[in-house]
Amino acid sequence: MRCPRCKRGPIYESAFVLHRSCPVCGLVYEREPGYFVGALYVGYTFGIFILGALTLLGSFILPEVDLGWIVLGAVVVFVPFVPATTRYARVLWMYVDRTIWPQSGESGPSAPPPIP
């Protein structure tokens, strides 16, 4: 949960409030309006894996219970973890995005060479 550039500044001010920029190096976290739409896909993937694992575990532990009830139970167990999933999805999205498409001055695999 630290800045993708300097790895020192916190990304979150509090539990649900994202800093606008890194307090240490000044990196602006939200590159453009709607930037965190990509984090939704990461969060959906987290949710699918977690709900799938909970459903599979529930079906092994309670084989006589209808699968619909097991899925409902998995959803009920997962709901309290949605805020944490959202936080980690945003952080992972920032790291992946900045690695693939770095801004000038950032390092990454596809960073263009500096202009003399």
N, C-alpha and C. Protein backbone atom coordinates (compact mmCIF):
# COMPACT_ATOMS: atom_id res chain seq x y z
N MET A 1 0.82 -1.19 0.00
CA MET A 1 0.00 0.00 0.00
C MET A 1 0.87 1.26 0.00
N ARG A 2 1.97 1.19 -0.73
CA ARG A 2 2.88 2.34 -0.85
C ARG A 2 2.95 2.83 -2.29
N CYS A 3 3.44 4.01 -2.47
CA CYS A 3 3.55 4.67 -3.78
C CYS A 3 4.28 3.77 -4.78
N PRO A 4 3.75 3.66 -6.01
CA PRO A 4 4.42 2.82 -7.01
C PRO A 4 5.78 3.36 -7.46
N ARG A 5 6.03 4.65 -7.27
CA ARG A 5 7.31 5.22 -7.71
C ARG A 5 8.36 5.16 -6.62
N CYS A 6 8.09 5.74 -5.46
CA CYS A 6 9.12 5.82 -4.41
C CYS A 6 9.04 4.68 -3.39
N LYS A 7 7.93 4.00 -3.34
CA LYS A 7 7.70 2.87 -2.42
C LYS A 7 7.74 3.28 -0.95
N ARG A 8 7.59 4.59 -0.67
CA ARG A 8 7.61 5.06 0.71
C ARG A 8 6.32 5.74 1.12
N GLY A 9 5.74 6.55 0.26
CA GLY A 9 4.54 7.30 0.60
C GLY A 9 3.30 6.42 0.62
N PRO A 10 2.44 6.60 1.62
CA PRO A 10 1.21 5.79 1.68
C PRO A 10 0.24 6.20 0.58
N ILE A 11 -0.49 5.23 0.07
CA ILE A 11 -1.48 5.50 -0.97
C ILE A 11 -2.78 5.98 -0.34
N TYR A 12 -3.11 5.44 0.83
CA TYR A 12 -4.36 5.80 1.50
C TYR A 12 -4.12 6.68 2.71
N GLU A 13 -4.96 7.72 2.83
CA GLU A 13 -4.96 8.62 3.99
C GLU A 13 -5.55 7.92 5.20
N SER A 14 -6.71 7.30 4.95
CA SER A 14 -7.41 6.54 5.99
C SER A 14 -8.00 5.30 5.31
N ALA A 15 -8.90 4.63 5.98
CA ALA A 15 -9.42 3.37 5.47
C ALA A 15 -10.01 3.48 4.06
N PHE A 16 -10.72 4.55 3.77
CA PHE A 16 -11.40 4.67 2.48
C PHE A 16 -11.02 5.90 1.68
N VAL A 17 -10.08 6.71 2.17
CA VAL A 17 -9.72 7.96 1.50
C VAL A 17 -8.34 7.81 0.86
N LEU A 18 -8.33 7.94 -0.47
CA LEU A 18 -7.11 7.83 -1.25
C LEU A 18 -6.43 9.20 -1.29
N HIS A 19 -5.11 9.23 -1.06
CA HIS A 19 -4.37 10.48 -1.25
C HIS A 19 -4.47 10.88 -2.72
N ARG A 20 -4.50 12.18 -2.98
CA ARG A 20 -4.50 12.65 -4.37
C ARG A 20 -3.14 12.40 -5.01
N SER A 21 -2.09 12.60 -4.22
CA SER A 21 -0.73 12.37 -4.72
C SER A 21 0.11 11.82 -3.57
N CYS A 22 1.27 11.32 -3.91
CA CYS A 22 2.17 10.75 -2.90
C CYS A 22 2.70 11.88 -2.02
N PRO A 23 2.58 11.74 -0.68
CA PRO A 23 3.10 12.78 0.20
C PRO A 23 4.63 12.87 0.20
N VAL A 24 5.32 11.84 -0.31
CA VAL A 24 6.78 11.85 -0.31
C VAL A 24 7.34 12.37 -1.63
N CYS A 25 6.92 11.78 -2.77
CA CYS A 25 7.52 12.16 -4.06
C CYS A 25 6.59 12.99 -4.94
N GLY A 26 5.32 13.14 -4.57
CA GLY A 26 4.40 13.98 -5.33
C GLY A 26 3.75 13.32 -6.53
N LEU A 27 3.93 12.03 -6.74
CA LEU A 27 3.31 11.33 -7.86
C LEU A 27 1.79 11.41 -7.75
N VAL A 28 1.12 11.88 -8.79
CA VAL A 28 -0.34 11.94 -8.79
C VAL A 28 -0.86 10.54 -9.08
N TYR A 29 -1.69 10.02 -8.18
CA TYR A 29 -2.14 8.64 -8.30
C TYR A 29 -3.18 8.45 -9.40
N GLU A 30 -4.12 9.36 -9.52
CA GLU A 30 -5.17 9.23 -10.53
C GLU A 30 -4.71 10.00 -11.79
N ARG A 31 -4.26 9.28 -12.80
CA ARG A 31 -3.70 9.90 -14.00
C ARG A 31 -4.71 10.70 -14.78
N GLU A 32 -5.95 10.25 -14.82
CA GLU A 32 -7.00 10.89 -15.60
C GLU A 32 -8.34 10.58 -14.98
N PRO A 33 -9.40 11.31 -15.33
CA PRO A 33 -10.73 10.97 -14.81
C PRO A 33 -11.11 9.55 -15.25
N GLY A 34 -11.62 8.79 -14.32
CA GLY A 34 -12.00 7.41 -14.62
C GLY A 34 -10.84 6.44 -14.60
N TYR A 35 -9.72 6.86 -14.04
CA TYR A 35 -8.51 6.03 -14.04
C TYR A 35 -8.72 4.69 -13.35
N PHE A 36 -9.49 4.66 -12.29
CA PHE A 36 -9.62 3.44 -11.51
C PHE A 36 -10.68 2.48 -12.04
N VAL A 37 -11.19 2.73 -13.24
CA VAL A 37 -12.10 1.76 -13.85
C VAL A 37 -11.36 0.44 -14.08
N GLY A 38 -10.09 0.51 -14.41
CA GLY A 38 -9.28 -0.70 -14.57
C GLY A 38 -9.19 -1.50 -13.29
N ALA A 39 -9.25 -0.82 -12.14
CA ALA A 39 -9.20 -1.52 -10.86
C ALA A 39 -10.46 -2.33 -10.63
N LEU A 40 -11.56 -1.96 -11.29
CA LEU A 40 -12.78 -2.75 -11.17
C LEU A 40 -12.56 -4.16 -11.69
N TYR A 41 -11.85 -4.28 -12.80
CA TYR A 41 -11.58 -5.60 -13.36
C TYR A 41 -10.71 -6.43 -12.43
N VAL A 42 -9.75 -5.79 -11.80
CA VAL A 42 -8.90 -6.48 -10.82
C VAL A 42 -9.75 -6.93 -9.63
N GLY A 43 -10.62 -6.04 -9.15
CA GLY A 43 -11.50 -6.39 -8.03
C GLY A 43 -12.47 -7.50 -8.37
N TYR A 44 -13.01 -7.48 -9.59
CA TYR A 44 -13.90 -8.57 -10.01
C TYR A 44 -13.15 -9.89 -10.03
N THR A 45 -11.92 -9.87 -10.49
CA THR A 45 -11.11 -11.09 -10.52
C THR A 45 -10.85 -11.60 -9.10
N PHE A 46 -10.50 -10.70 -8.18
CA PHE A 46 -10.34 -11.09 -6.78
C PHE A 46 -11.62 -11.74 -6.27
N GLY A 47 -12.75 -11.09 -6.53
CA GLY A 47 -14.03 -11.58 -6.05
C GLY A 47 -14.37 -12.95 -6.60
N ILE A 48 -14.13 -13.16 -7.88
CA ILE A 48 -14.42 -14.45 -8.50
C ILE A 48 -13.60 -15.55 -7.84
N PHE A 49 -12.31 -15.30 -7.65
CA PHE A 49 -11.46 -16.32 -7.04
C PHE A 49 -11.86 -16.59 -5.59
N ILE A 50 -12.13 -15.55 -4.84
CA ILE A 50 -12.50 -15.73 -3.43
C ILE A 50 -13.85 -16.43 -3.31
N LEU A 51 -14.85 -15.97 -4.07
CA LEU A 51 -16.16 -16.61 -4.01
C LEU A 51 -16.10 -18.05 -4.52
N GLY A 52 -15.30 -18.29 -5.56
CA GLY A 52 -15.13 -19.65 -6.06
C GLY A 52 -14.51 -20.56 -5.02
N ALA A 53 -13.48 -20.06 -4.35
CA ALA A 53 -12.83 -20.86 -3.31
C ALA A 53 -13.76 -21.13 -2.14
N LEU A 54 -14.52 -20.11 -1.72
CA LEU A 54 -15.47 -20.31 -0.63
C LEU A 54 -16.58 -21.29 -1.01
N THR A 55 -17.06 -21.21 -2.24
CA THR A 55 -18.09 -22.13 -2.71
C THR A 55 -17.56 -23.55 -2.78
N LEU A 56 -16.37 -23.71 -3.31
CA LEU A 56 -15.76 -25.04 -3.40
C LEU A 56 -15.54 -25.63 -2.01
N LEU A 57 -15.03 -24.81 -1.11
CA LEU A 57 -14.82 -25.27 0.26
C LEU A 57 -16.14 -25.65 0.92
N GLY A 58 -17.16 -24.82 0.73
CA GLY A 58 -18.47 -25.12 1.30
C GLY A 58 -19.07 -26.38 0.74
N SER A 59 -18.89 -26.64 -0.55
CA SER A 59 -19.45 -27.86 -1.13
C SER A 59 -18.72 -29.11 -0.67
N PHE A 60 -17.43 -28.97 -0.32
CA PHE A 60 -16.71 -30.13 0.23
C PHE A 60 -17.09 -30.38 1.69
N ILE A 61 -17.25 -29.30 2.45
CA ILE A 61 -17.58 -29.44 3.87
C ILE A 61 -19.02 -29.87 4.07
N LEU A 62 -19.94 -29.32 3.26
CA LEU A 62 -21.37 -29.61 3.39
C LEU A 62 -21.93 -30.16 2.08
N PRO A 63 -21.59 -31.41 1.72
CA PRO A 63 -22.02 -31.94 0.42
C PRO A 63 -23.54 -32.15 0.31
N GLU A 64 -24.23 -32.27 1.43
CA GLU A 64 -25.67 -32.51 1.39
C GLU A 64 -26.49 -31.24 1.22
N VAL A 65 -25.87 -30.07 1.35
CA VAL A 65 -26.57 -28.79 1.24
C VAL A 65 -26.64 -28.38 -0.23
N ASP A 66 -27.77 -27.80 -0.62
CA ASP A 66 -27.98 -27.32 -1.99
C ASP A 66 -26.91 -26.27 -2.35
N LEU A 67 -26.42 -26.34 -3.58
CA LEU A 67 -25.35 -25.44 -4.02
C LEU A 67 -25.78 -23.97 -3.96
N GLY A 68 -27.04 -23.68 -4.19
CA GLY A 68 -27.53 -22.30 -4.10
C GLY A 68 -27.33 -21.71 -2.72
N TRP A 69 -27.59 -22.51 -1.68
CA TRP A 69 -27.38 -22.04 -0.31
C TRP A 69 -25.90 -21.85 -0.01
N ILE A 70 -25.07 -22.71 -0.58
CA ILE A 70 -23.63 -22.58 -0.37
C ILE A 70 -23.11 -21.29 -1.02
N VAL A 71 -23.58 -21.00 -2.22
CA VAL A 71 -23.17 -19.78 -2.90
C VAL A 71 -23.65 -18.56 -2.11
N LEU A 72 -24.88 -18.60 -1.63
CA LEU A 72 -25.40 -17.50 -0.81
C LEU A 72 -24.56 -17.31 0.44
N GLY A 73 -24.19 -18.40 1.09
CA GLY A 73 -23.33 -18.32 2.27
C GLY A 73 -21.96 -17.75 1.93
N ALA A 74 -21.41 -18.12 0.77
CA ALA A 74 -20.11 -17.58 0.34
C ALA A 74 -20.20 -16.08 0.13
N VAL A 75 -21.30 -15.62 -0.45
CA VAL A 75 -21.49 -14.18 -0.67
C VAL A 75 -21.57 -13.45 0.66
N VAL A 76 -22.32 -14.02 1.61
CA VAL A 76 -22.47 -13.40 2.94
C VAL A 76 -21.11 -13.31 3.64
N VAL A 77 -20.30 -14.35 3.51
CA VAL A 77 -18.98 -14.34 4.15
C VAL A 77 -18.06 -13.34 3.45
N PHE A 78 -18.21 -13.18 2.13
CA PHE A 78 -17.32 -12.31 1.36
C PHE A 78 -17.63 -10.82 1.52
N VAL A 79 -18.88 -10.46 1.73
CA VAL A 79 -19.29 -9.04 1.76
C VAL A 79 -18.46 -8.18 2.72
N PRO A 80 -18.13 -8.62 3.93
CA PRO A 80 -17.30 -7.76 4.79
C PRO A 80 -15.89 -7.50 4.25
N PHE A 81 -15.44 -8.33 3.32
CA PHE A 81 -14.10 -8.17 2.77
C PHE A 81 -14.06 -7.32 1.50
N VAL A 82 -15.20 -6.84 1.04
CA VAL A 82 -15.26 -6.03 -0.19
C VAL A 82 -14.42 -4.75 -0.07
N PRO A 83 -14.49 -4.00 1.03
CA PRO A 83 -13.63 -2.79 1.10
C PRO A 83 -12.14 -3.10 0.98
N ALA A 84 -11.69 -4.17 1.62
CA ALA A 84 -10.27 -4.54 1.52
C ALA A 84 -9.93 -4.96 0.09
N THR A 85 -10.84 -5.69 -0.53
CA THR A 85 -10.63 -6.10 -1.92
C THR A 85 -10.52 -4.89 -2.83
N THR A 86 -11.35 -3.90 -2.61
CA THR A 86 -11.32 -2.68 -3.42
C THR A 86 -10.00 -1.94 -3.23
N ARG A 87 -9.55 -1.82 -1.99
CA ARG A 87 -8.28 -1.14 -1.72
C ARG A 87 -7.12 -1.83 -2.43
N TYR A 88 -7.03 -3.15 -2.28
CA TYR A 88 -5.94 -3.88 -2.91
C TYR A 88 -6.04 -3.88 -4.43
N ALA A 89 -7.26 -3.89 -4.96
CA ALA A 89 -7.43 -3.82 -6.41
C ALA A 89 -6.91 -2.50 -6.96
N ARG A 90 -7.18 -1.40 -6.27
CA ARG A 90 -6.68 -0.10 -6.73
C ARG A 90 -5.15 -0.05 -6.68
N VAL A 91 -4.58 -0.56 -5.62
CA VAL A 91 -3.12 -0.55 -5.48
C VAL A 91 -2.49 -1.41 -6.57
N LEU A 92 -3.01 -2.61 -6.77
CA LEU A 92 -2.47 -3.50 -7.79
C LEU A 92 -2.62 -2.88 -9.18
N TRP A 93 -3.77 -2.23 -9.45
CA TRP A 93 -3.97 -1.56 -10.73
C TRP A 93 -2.92 -0.47 -10.95
N MET A 94 -2.65 0.33 -9.92
CA MET A 94 -1.65 1.39 -10.07
C MET A 94 -0.27 0.80 -10.38
N TYR A 95 0.10 -0.26 -9.68
CA TYR A 95 1.41 -0.87 -9.92
C TYR A 95 1.51 -1.45 -11.33
N VAL A 96 0.49 -2.17 -11.77
CA VAL A 96 0.51 -2.76 -13.11
C VAL A 96 0.52 -1.66 -14.17
N ASP A 97 -0.34 -0.67 -14.01
CA ASP A 97 -0.44 0.41 -14.98
C ASP A 97 0.87 1.17 -15.09
N ARG A 98 1.48 1.50 -13.98
CA ARG A 98 2.73 2.28 -14.00
C ARG A 98 3.90 1.44 -14.50
N THR A 99 3.82 0.12 -14.37
CA THR A 99 4.88 -0.74 -14.91
C THR A 99 4.78 -0.84 -16.42
N ILE A 100 3.55 -0.99 -16.92
CA ILE A 100 3.36 -1.16 -18.36
C ILE A 100 3.47 0.16 -19.10
N TRP A 101 2.88 1.23 -18.55
CA TRP A 101 2.88 2.55 -19.20
C TRP A 101 3.45 3.61 -18.26
N PRO A 102 4.77 3.63 -18.07
CA PRO A 102 5.34 4.63 -17.17
C PRO A 102 5.28 6.03 -17.77
N GLN A 103 5.18 7.01 -16.90
CA GLN A 103 5.25 8.41 -17.34
C GLN A 103 6.70 8.76 -17.53
N SER A 104 6.95 9.90 -18.15
CA SER A 104 8.34 10.31 -18.31
C SER A 104 8.95 10.53 -16.93
N GLY A 105 10.14 10.05 -16.75
CA GLY A 105 10.81 10.17 -15.46
C GLY A 105 10.62 8.94 -14.59
N GLU A 106 9.72 8.03 -14.99
CA GLU A 106 9.53 6.80 -14.23
C GLU A 106 10.24 5.68 -14.95
N SER A 107 10.67 4.69 -14.20
CA SER A 107 11.31 3.55 -14.83
C SER A 107 10.26 2.49 -15.11
N GLY A 108 10.53 1.64 -16.08
CA GLY A 108 9.62 0.57 -16.45
C GLY A 108 10.12 -0.12 -17.71
N PRO A 109 9.52 -1.24 -18.06
CA PRO A 109 10.02 -2.00 -19.20
C PRO A 109 9.83 -1.29 -20.53
N SER A 110 8.81 -0.42 -20.64
CA SER A 110 8.55 0.22 -21.92
C SER A 110 8.79 1.73 -21.88
N ALA A 111 9.64 2.18 -20.98
CA ALA A 111 9.91 3.62 -20.88
C ALA A 111 10.70 4.06 -22.10
N PRO A 112 10.30 5.15 -22.75
CA PRO A 112 11.04 5.63 -23.91
C PRO A 112 12.39 6.18 -23.49
N PRO A 113 13.36 6.17 -24.37
CA PRO A 113 14.66 6.72 -24.01
C PRO A 113 14.55 8.23 -23.80
N PRO A 114 15.37 8.80 -22.93
CA PRO A 114 15.32 10.23 -22.69
C PRO A 114 15.70 11.02 -23.93
N ILE A 115 15.04 12.15 -24.11
CA ILE A 115 15.32 13.03 -25.25
C ILE A 115 16.47 13.95 -24.86
N PRO A 116 17.54 13.99 -25.68
CA PRO A 116 18.71 14.82 -25.33
C PRO A 116 18.42 16.30 -25.44
